[in-house]
């Protein structure tokens, strides 16, 4: 074979190889790629837990209906709730009526076993997203927690209703003013919880409770002496949107007022005295609310109105999808749990 012939053969072989390679490249399946990770604004699962349409996260509807109500309180105080949801805190054996459970406990926490001391701990689970609640808590700092009554465990991604408040069985973490919220720059982005002087305020109508509460106090027939049938365990109280708040000069009172106007507060328990109301806050947040017992805070609490059309089909005073006073809840860091567009 001549040199020219060999060259033509080599070129033919090279062209054929390139053609085959092209076919292989053209027919190769594309590399599979997963969905793009969520990169938008988020909320913290442990600081602002539960579903976007949880009662604790849903703002008041524009269609909410308000009825004047005076709690007749003469004093306002903090009902302190013990909460640990940080998976980095030590794990302890919790001794309770439901056996021994492993939970995370902040070693700085303490509790003397007083009733109505609602406590919520992160259970030791593979995903670290389940909380266990109970009361009354007995705990020395760094010690072994003990309580008498345990409530079913709850997912931090669920509806967040059930919990350890003895008067209503409502949550001990949903609606709680958490450490750092009052001093941070952001507004409170959740409903609050209030305890009423039920001997003056709570009604025996509906067996003493309404949705979202699960029950009333055991002695509701004898203790509840309020005249307004709309005021029970579970009642949603709020500041009507046209209420003048210009008189509030205290920073913490102003922040509470705006939350009461935009989200409201659910009645979760009764107080220990006829002339008192209480706002629920996490242990450690006391210093962030220096004016909890001020005349301005008292005036605010006694300016609350009843949201009369709050119910399972009209949460916050309107059906899901209806306009709300402020934006609904953001997604969690993984992109789940956020409100649909337009909420």
Protein backbone atom coordinates (compact mmCIF):
# COMPACT_ATOMS: atom_id res chain seq x y z
CA UNK A 1 0.00 0.00 0.00
CA UNK A 2 1.34 3.38 -0.95
CA UNK A 3 1.80 6.24 1.51
CA UNK A 4 -1.19 8.06 0.02
CA UNK A 5 -3.38 5.00 0.38
CA UNK A 6 -2.39 4.56 4.03
CA UNK A 7 -3.18 8.20 4.73
CA UNK A 8 -6.65 7.87 3.19
CA UNK A 9 -7.37 4.77 5.30
CA UNK A 10 -6.26 6.53 8.50
CA UNK A 11 -8.47 9.52 7.71
CA UNK A 12 -11.45 7.23 7.08
CA UNK A 13 -10.90 5.46 10.40
CA UNK A 14 -10.58 8.80 12.23
CA UNK A 15 -13.81 10.15 10.67
CA UNK A 16 -15.67 6.98 11.61
CA UNK A 17 -14.43 7.21 15.22
CA UNK A 18 -15.50 10.83 15.48
CA UNK A 19 -18.95 9.94 14.12
CA UNK A 20 -19.38 7.12 16.62
CA UNK A 21 -18.24 9.38 19.47
CA UNK A 22 -20.76 11.98 18.34
CA UNK A 23 -23.56 9.47 18.45
CA UNK A 24 -22.50 8.37 21.92
CA UNK A 25 -22.36 11.96 23.14
CA UNK A 26 -25.67 12.80 21.52
CA UNK A 27 -27.49 9.81 23.01
CA UNK A 28 -25.98 9.93 26.52
CA UNK A 29 -28.64 10.66 29.17
CA UNK A 30 -28.31 14.08 30.82
CA UNK A 31 -26.87 14.13 34.32
CA UNK A 32 -29.70 14.13 36.86
CA UNK A 33 -29.84 17.19 39.11
CA UNK A 34 -32.00 17.74 42.19
CA UNK A 35 -34.21 20.75 42.81
CA UNK A 36 -32.50 23.99 43.60
CA UNK A 37 -32.22 24.55 47.36
CA UNK A 38 -34.50 27.23 48.78
CA UNK A 39 -32.66 30.54 49.07
CA UNK A 40 -35.40 32.97 50.08
CA UNK A 41 -36.23 34.45 53.50
CA UNK A 42 -36.93 31.89 56.22
CA UNK A 43 -38.01 31.45 59.83
CA UNK A 44 -36.31 29.32 62.45
CA UNK A 45 -38.07 26.02 63.19
CA UNK A 46 -37.24 26.25 66.90
CA UNK A 47 -37.83 29.98 67.42
CA UNK A 48 -41.04 30.17 65.33
CA UNK A 49 -42.31 26.58 65.10
CA UNK A 50 -45.45 25.00 63.66
CA UNK A 51 -47.31 25.15 60.36
CA UNK A 52 -48.06 28.46 58.66
CA UNK A 53 -51.77 28.04 59.41
CA UNK A 54 -51.25 27.14 63.06
CA UNK A 55 -53.31 29.34 65.38
CA UNK A 56 -50.04 30.73 66.74
CA UNK A 57 -48.72 31.85 63.35
CA UNK A 58 -51.82 33.05 61.56
CA UNK A 59 -52.40 36.84 61.60
CA UNK A 60 -55.86 38.22 62.22
CA UNK A 61 -58.10 38.38 59.17
CA UNK A 62 -59.35 41.66 57.75
CA UNK A 63 -62.85 40.26 58.26
CA UNK A 64 -62.38 39.69 62.01
CA UNK A 65 -65.33 40.91 64.08
CA UNK A 66 -64.68 42.57 67.45
CA UNK A 67 -66.84 42.84 70.53
CA UNK A 68 -65.78 45.16 73.40
CA UNK A 69 -64.59 43.40 76.54
CA UNK A 70 -62.97 44.53 79.78
CA UNK A 71 -60.95 41.90 81.66
CA UNK A 72 -61.40 44.03 84.81
CA UNK A 73 -57.79 43.35 85.71
CA UNK A 74 -56.00 45.51 88.25
CA UNK A 75 -52.59 43.97 87.71
CA UNK A 76 -50.66 42.20 84.92
CA UNK A 77 -47.81 39.73 85.45
CA UNK A 78 -45.80 37.13 83.53
CA UNK A 79 -46.73 33.47 83.56
CA UNK A 80 -43.34 31.82 83.09
CA UNK A 81 -42.97 28.73 80.91
CA UNK A 82 -39.86 26.55 80.88
CA UNK A 83 -38.79 25.76 77.32
CA UNK A 84 -35.79 23.92 75.88
CA UNK A 85 -35.73 23.20 72.13
CA UNK A 86 -31.96 23.46 71.52
CA UNK A 87 -30.55 20.05 70.49
CA UNK A 88 -27.12 21.14 71.72
CA UNK A 89 -28.26 21.18 75.36
CA UNK A 90 -27.62 18.13 77.58
CA UNK A 91 -29.96 15.13 77.48
CA UNK A 92 -31.56 14.11 80.76
CA UNK A 93 -33.97 11.44 81.96
CA UNK A 94 -37.38 12.99 82.55
CA UNK A 95 -39.31 11.30 85.34
CA UNK A 96 -43.07 11.53 84.88
CA UNK A 97 -46.42 9.78 85.15
CA UNK A 98 -45.73 8.36 81.69
CA UNK A 99 -42.45 6.68 82.59
CA UNK A 100 -38.94 7.91 81.85
CA UNK A 101 -38.26 9.87 78.67
CA UNK A 102 -35.03 11.31 77.32
CA UNK A 103 -35.23 15.06 76.74
CA UNK A 104 -32.92 18.01 76.20
CA UNK A 105 -32.78 20.33 79.21
CA UNK A 106 -31.11 23.72 79.50
CA UNK A 107 -28.86 23.36 82.56
CA UNK A 108 -29.77 26.90 83.65
CA UNK A 109 -33.44 26.06 84.08
CA UNK A 110 -35.06 25.67 87.47
CA UNK A 111 -38.65 25.19 88.62
CA UNK A 112 -40.20 24.70 92.04
CA UNK A 113 -43.10 22.45 91.10
CA UNK A 114 -45.76 25.16 91.26
CA UNK A 115 -48.94 24.37 89.33
CA UNK A 116 -49.63 26.16 86.05
CA UNK A 117 -45.88 26.01 85.40
CA UNK A 118 -46.13 24.66 81.86
CA UNK A 119 -42.89 23.16 80.53
CA UNK A 120 -41.84 21.98 77.07
CA UNK A 121 -38.66 20.03 76.25
CA UNK A 122 -37.15 18.78 73.01
CA UNK A 123 -37.37 14.98 73.03
CA UNK A 124 -34.33 12.95 72.05
CA UNK A 125 -35.40 11.73 68.60
CA UNK A 126 -33.48 11.14 65.34
CA UNK A 127 -34.77 14.36 63.77
CA UNK A 128 -34.78 16.53 66.93
CA UNK A 129 -38.17 17.97 65.92
CA UNK A 130 -40.49 16.53 68.58
CA UNK A 131 -41.35 18.23 71.87
CA UNK A 132 -42.79 16.79 75.05
CA UNK A 133 -44.81 18.91 77.48
CA UNK A 134 -46.01 18.55 81.04
CA UNK A 135 -46.55 20.16 84.43
CA UNK A 136 -45.91 21.03 87.21
CA UNK A 137 -42.14 20.93 86.75
CA UNK A 138 -39.68 20.26 89.54
CA UNK A 139 -36.11 20.94 88.47
CA UNK A 140 -32.83 22.02 90.01
CA UNK A 141 -30.36 23.65 87.57
CA UNK A 142 -28.51 20.89 85.73
CA UNK A 143 -30.57 18.25 87.50
CA UNK A 144 -33.20 15.67 86.67
CA UNK A 145 -36.58 17.10 85.58
CA UNK A 146 -39.77 15.68 87.09
CA UNK A 147 -43.43 16.41 86.50
CA UNK A 148 -46.77 14.87 87.37
CA UNK A 149 -48.77 15.17 84.15
CA UNK A 150 -47.47 14.44 80.65
CA UNK A 151 -49.23 15.48 77.46
CA UNK A 152 -48.82 13.75 74.07
CA UNK A 153 -45.68 14.61 72.13
CA UNK A 154 -46.00 17.20 69.36
CA UNK A 155 -44.06 17.83 66.15
CA UNK A 156 -42.54 21.29 65.73
CA UNK A 157 -43.92 21.18 62.16
CA UNK A 158 -47.52 20.38 63.18
CA UNK A 159 -50.51 22.55 64.08
CA UNK A 160 -49.12 23.29 67.55
CA UNK A 161 -52.45 23.35 69.41
CA UNK A 162 -51.96 20.66 72.04
CA UNK A 163 -49.85 21.36 75.11
CA UNK A 164 -49.49 21.62 78.85
CA UNK A 165 -51.77 24.47 79.91
CA UNK A 166 -54.05 22.83 82.45
CA UNK A 167 -56.94 25.20 81.87
CA UNK A 168 -57.21 24.63 78.11
CA UNK A 169 -54.71 21.91 77.05
CA UNK A 170 -53.24 24.49 74.67
CA UNK A 171 -49.54 24.68 73.84
CA UNK A 172 -46.81 25.68 76.27
CA UNK A 173 -44.51 26.85 73.47
CA UNK A 174 -46.81 28.17 70.73
CA UNK A 175 -47.63 31.81 71.42
CA UNK A 176 -44.97 32.16 74.12
CA UNK A 177 -42.82 35.30 74.14
CA UNK A 178 -39.38 33.75 73.70
CA UNK A 179 -36.01 34.95 74.99
CA UNK A 180 -34.64 37.67 72.70
CA UNK A 181 -37.91 38.53 70.96
CA UNK A 182 -38.69 41.67 72.93
CA UNK A 183 -35.23 43.19 72.57
CA UNK A 184 -34.72 42.21 68.93
CA UNK A 185 -35.49 44.59 66.04
CA UNK A 186 -38.24 42.44 64.52
CA UNK A 187 -41.88 42.66 65.59
CA UNK A 188 -43.49 39.71 67.33
CA UNK A 189 -44.63 37.47 64.49
CA UNK A 190 -47.08 35.24 66.35
CA UNK A 191 -50.16 35.31 68.51
CA UNK A 192 -49.73 35.64 72.27
CA UNK A 193 -51.26 33.78 75.22
CA UNK A 194 -53.16 35.33 78.10
CA UNK A 195 -54.45 34.04 81.43
CA UNK A 196 -57.66 35.62 82.69
CA UNK A 197 -59.14 36.25 86.11
CA UNK A 198 -61.85 33.70 85.38
CA UNK A 199 -63.81 34.37 88.54
CA UNK A 200 -64.70 37.71 86.97
CA UNK A 201 -64.18 37.16 83.24
CA UNK A 202 -64.76 33.59 82.03
CA UNK A 203 -68.21 32.33 81.12
CA UNK A 204 -69.68 28.87 81.66
CA UNK A 205 -71.20 28.98 78.15
CA UNK A 206 -70.09 26.06 75.91
CA UNK A 207 -68.96 24.18 79.03
CA UNK A 208 -66.40 26.92 79.62
CA UNK A 209 -64.32 26.53 76.45
CA UNK A 210 -64.33 27.10 72.71
CA UNK A 211 -62.07 26.25 69.79
CA UNK A 212 -59.07 26.05 69.74
CA UNK A 213 -59.07 25.01 73.43
CA UNK A 214 -59.67 21.34 74.21
CA UNK A 215 -61.24 21.82 77.64
CA UNK A 216 -61.88 24.20 80.53
CA UNK A 217 -60.61 24.09 84.12
CA UNK A 218 -61.84 21.14 86.15
CA UNK A 219 -63.82 23.45 88.46
CA UNK A 220 -65.22 25.70 85.71
CA UNK A 221 -68.81 25.30 86.88
CA UNK A 222 -68.00 26.85 90.25
CA UNK A 223 -65.14 29.22 89.34
CA UNK A 224 -66.23 30.85 86.09
CA UNK A 225 -68.53 33.79 86.84
CA UNK A 226 -68.11 36.04 83.80
CA UNK A 227 -71.20 37.44 82.09
CA UNK A 228 -69.95 37.53 78.47
CA UNK A 229 -70.75 34.14 76.82
CA UNK A 230 -68.02 34.73 74.24
CA UNK A 231 -65.26 34.65 76.86
CA UNK A 232 -64.07 31.10 77.59
CA UNK A 233 -60.89 29.08 77.51
CA UNK A 234 -59.66 29.37 73.92
CA UNK A 235 -61.24 32.77 73.24
CA UNK A 236 -59.22 34.96 70.89
CA UNK A 237 -58.75 38.45 72.27
CA UNK A 238 -57.27 41.31 70.25
CA UNK A 239 -56.86 45.04 69.96
CA UNK A 240 -59.30 46.31 67.32
CA UNK A 241 -57.41 47.77 64.33
CA UNK A 242 -58.88 51.26 64.77
CA UNK A 243 -57.79 51.51 68.43
CA UNK A 244 -55.68 54.57 69.24
CA UNK A 245 -52.29 53.42 70.54
CA UNK A 246 -50.55 56.81 70.40
CA UNK A 247 -50.50 57.03 74.20
CA UNK A 248 -48.07 54.09 74.53
CA UNK A 249 -44.54 55.35 75.21
CA UNK A 250 -43.00 52.17 76.65
CA UNK A 251 -41.08 50.11 74.10
CA UNK A 252 -42.11 46.69 75.44
CA UNK A 253 -45.75 47.70 75.85
CA UNK A 254 -45.78 49.04 72.28
CA UNK A 255 -44.42 45.75 70.92
CA UNK A 256 -47.04 43.76 72.83
CA UNK A 257 -49.75 46.14 71.60
CA UNK A 258 -48.78 45.66 67.95
CA UNK A 259 -48.82 41.87 68.35
CA UNK A 260 -52.25 42.05 69.98
CA UNK A 261 -53.49 44.19 67.08
CA UNK A 262 -52.02 41.98 64.32
CA UNK A 263 -52.31 38.48 65.83
CA UNK A 264 -54.26 38.67 69.09
CA UNK A 265 -53.92 36.47 72.20
CA UNK A 266 -55.62 33.20 73.11
CA UNK A 267 -56.98 32.54 76.60
CA UNK A 268 -55.05 29.48 77.83
CA UNK A 269 -55.40 29.48 81.63
CA UNK A 270 -56.82 31.29 84.62
CA UNK A 271 -54.81 33.38 87.06
CA UNK A 272 -54.45 32.91 90.77
CA UNK A 273 -56.21 36.12 91.75
CA UNK A 274 -59.49 37.84 90.89
CA UNK A 275 -57.81 41.11 89.89
CA UNK A 276 -54.98 39.74 87.72
CA UNK A 277 -54.19 38.90 84.11
CA UNK A 278 -50.99 37.26 82.85
CA UNK A 279 -49.03 37.18 79.60
CA UNK A 280 -47.04 34.00 78.92
CA UNK A 281 -43.28 34.24 78.46
CA UNK A 282 -40.30 31.91 78.41
CA UNK A 283 -38.12 31.66 81.50
CA UNK A 284 -35.26 34.12 81.00
CA UNK A 285 -37.33 36.72 79.16
CA UNK A 286 -38.46 38.55 82.30
CA UNK A 287 -35.87 41.34 81.99
CA UNK A 288 -37.09 42.07 78.45
CA UNK A 289 -40.51 43.08 79.78
CA UNK A 290 -39.70 45.68 82.46
CA UNK A 291 -43.14 47.31 82.14
CA UNK A 292 -45.29 44.20 82.43
CA UNK A 293 -46.97 45.68 85.53
CA UNK A 294 -47.05 49.31 84.37
CA UNK A 295 -50.23 51.42 84.10
CA UNK A 296 -49.77 51.47 80.33
CA UNK A 297 -49.66 47.66 80.11
CA UNK A 298 -52.73 47.43 82.32
CA UNK A 299 -54.58 49.94 80.13
CA UNK A 300 -53.61 47.91 77.07
CA UNK A 301 -54.82 44.58 78.46
CA UNK A 302 -58.11 46.07 79.62
CA UNK A 303 -58.63 47.47 76.08
CA UNK A 304 -58.85 44.02 74.51
CA UNK A 305 -61.86 42.96 72.46
CA UNK A 306 -63.24 39.50 71.69
CA UNK A 307 -62.83 38.22 68.13
CA UNK A 308 -66.32 36.75 67.94
CA UNK A 309 -65.98 35.01 64.56
CA UNK A 310 -62.83 33.03 65.34
CA UNK A 311 -63.42 29.33 64.67
CA UNK A 312 -62.01 26.23 62.95
CA UNK A 313 -63.37 27.37 59.58
CA UNK A 314 -62.55 31.05 60.16
CA UNK A 315 -59.28 31.05 62.14
CA UNK A 316 -58.31 34.53 63.18
CA UNK A 317 -61.71 35.80 62.03
CA UNK A 318 -61.68 34.68 58.41
CA UNK A 319 -61.30 31.62 56.16
CA UNK A 320 -57.85 30.59 55.00
CA UNK A 321 -56.99 32.56 51.89
CA UNK A 322 -58.70 35.72 53.10
CA UNK A 323 -56.64 38.92 53.53
CA UNK A 324 -54.67 39.16 56.77
CA UNK A 325 -53.44 42.13 58.78
CA UNK A 326 -49.79 41.28 58.17
CA UNK A 327 -47.87 38.80 56.03
CA UNK A 328 -48.25 35.12 56.86
CA UNK A 329 -45.46 32.82 58.05
CA UNK A 330 -42.27 32.30 56.04
CA UNK A 331 -40.91 28.84 55.14
CA UNK A 332 -38.42 27.00 57.30
CA UNK A 333 -34.78 26.77 56.19
CA UNK A 334 -35.51 23.73 53.99
CA UNK A 335 -38.18 25.63 52.08
CA UNK A 336 -41.15 23.85 53.66
CA UNK A 337 -43.80 25.14 56.06
CA UNK A 338 -44.40 28.51 54.44
CA UNK A 339 -47.73 30.12 53.64
CA UNK A 340 -49.04 29.98 50.07
CA UNK A 341 -48.65 33.07 47.94
CA UNK A 342 -51.27 35.69 48.66
CA UNK A 343 -51.93 34.74 52.27
